[in-house]
Amino acid sequence: MDQHEPPRPSPARTWTVAEASRRLEEVLRLAQEEGPQVILTQDGTGFAVSSRAPRMQVPAEPGSLRDVLVNSPLRDLDFEFEGLRGPVRDVDFE
């Protein structure tokens, strides 16, 4: 591998449902450390277990919606939304 080439992510490991159930802590640890882990159901369809932690650590780009929300002086504002109340009318669907 070239020194300037970024490291390639390791391929996702595949688990059966029974195996993933028995080794859940390992599946979750590997998802965080190595990336998505694929769990195959009996019919052969699968779903991935992925860690969200790295995404949450990414800094917000200046001017992005995330940046505006994270740095808003109103972010800790506590309010209750009661919903909209308006007149109710009968609707004939015939």
Protein backbone atom coordinates (compact mmCIF):
# COMPACT_ATOMS: atom_id res chain seq x y z
CA MET A 1 0.00 0.00 0.00
CA ASP A 2 1.25 3.49 -0.91
CA GLN A 3 2.13 5.75 2.05
CA HIS A 4 -0.24 8.45 0.70
CA GLU A 5 -3.15 6.09 0.20
CA PRO A 6 -5.73 6.28 3.01
CA PRO A 7 -6.29 3.07 4.96
CA ARG A 8 -9.13 0.95 3.64
CA PRO A 9 -11.96 0.10 6.00
CA SER A 10 -12.05 -3.53 6.99
CA PRO A 11 -14.89 -5.49 5.39
CA ALA A 12 -17.97 -5.96 7.53
CA ARG A 13 -18.07 -9.19 9.49
CA THR A 14 -21.13 -11.38 8.98
CA TRP A 15 -22.95 -13.00 11.93
CA THR A 16 -25.92 -15.33 12.22
CA VAL A 17 -28.71 -14.13 14.50
CA ALA A 18 -27.90 -16.85 17.05
CA GLU A 19 -24.19 -16.04 17.01
CA ALA A 20 -24.81 -12.28 17.29
CA SER A 21 -27.21 -12.90 20.16
CA ARG A 22 -24.65 -14.97 22.08
CA ARG A 23 -21.82 -12.51 21.40
CA LEU A 24 -23.73 -9.21 21.46
CA GLU A 25 -21.06 -7.30 23.40
CA GLU A 26 -18.44 -8.33 20.85
CA VAL A 27 -20.69 -7.37 17.92
CA LEU A 28 -21.26 -3.91 19.43
CA ARG A 29 -17.56 -3.42 20.24
CA LEU A 30 -16.53 -4.40 16.72
CA ALA A 31 -19.16 -2.08 15.23
CA GLN A 32 -17.61 0.78 17.15
CA GLU A 33 -13.98 -0.16 16.48
CA GLU A 34 -14.10 -1.61 12.94
CA GLY A 35 -17.37 -0.49 11.38
CA PRO A 36 -20.72 -2.05 10.50
CA GLN A 37 -21.37 -5.68 11.43
CA VAL A 38 -23.88 -7.61 9.28
CA ILE A 39 -26.40 -9.95 10.92
CA LEU A 40 -28.06 -12.43 8.55
CA THR A 41 -31.53 -13.78 9.24
CA GLN A 42 -32.58 -17.34 8.36
CA ASP A 43 -34.08 -16.23 5.04
CA GLY A 44 -30.72 -14.72 4.04
CA THR A 45 -31.69 -11.09 4.39
CA GLY A 46 -29.44 -9.06 6.56
CA PHE A 47 -29.16 -5.85 8.46
CA ALA A 48 -26.16 -3.92 9.73
CA VAL A 49 -25.22 -2.91 13.24
CA SER A 50 -23.30 0.36 13.16
CA SER A 51 -21.94 2.68 15.81
CA ARG A 52 -23.08 6.31 15.77
CA ALA A 53 -20.40 7.54 18.15
CA PRO A 54 -17.90 8.71 15.51
CA ARG A 55 -20.57 10.75 13.70
CA MET A 56 -21.46 12.60 16.88
CA GLN A 57 -17.85 13.69 17.35
CA VAL A 58 -17.59 15.38 13.95
CA PRO A 59 -17.46 19.16 14.41
CA ALA A 60 -20.18 21.17 12.76
CA GLU A 61 -19.14 23.15 9.69
CA PRO A 62 -19.43 26.89 10.29
CA GLY A 63 -22.75 28.15 8.97
CA SER A 64 -24.33 24.69 8.73
CA LEU A 65 -27.72 24.01 10.31
CA ARG A 66 -26.01 21.81 12.89
CA ASP A 67 -23.62 24.65 13.77
CA VAL A 68 -26.52 27.08 14.17
CA LEU A 69 -28.47 24.67 16.40
CA VAL A 70 -25.48 23.61 18.53
CA ASN A 71 -24.36 27.20 19.11
CA SER A 72 -27.81 28.75 19.50
CA PRO A 73 -28.27 30.80 22.68
CA LEU A 74 -31.77 29.25 22.82
CA ARG A 75 -30.59 25.61 22.78
CA ASP A 76 -31.37 25.13 26.48
CA LEU A 77 -34.76 26.85 26.31
CA ASP A 78 -37.47 24.72 27.89
CA PHE A 79 -40.96 25.14 26.45
CA GLU A 80 -44.17 23.21 26.09
CA PHE A 81 -45.99 22.89 22.79
CA GLU A 82 -49.68 22.34 23.27
CA GLY A 83 -50.46 21.87 19.60
CA LEU A 84 -52.90 23.75 17.45
CA ARG A 85 -56.51 23.88 18.49
CA GLY A 86 -59.04 24.99 15.93
CA PRO A 87 -62.65 24.51 15.06
CA VAL A 88 -63.71 20.97 14.18
CA ARG A 89 -66.08 20.37 11.30
CA ASP A 90 -67.79 17.33 9.88
CA VAL A 91 -66.53 16.06 6.53
CA ASP A 92 -68.73 14.04 4.19
CA PHE A 93 -66.68 11.45 2.27
CA GLU A 94 -69.48 10.32 -0.02
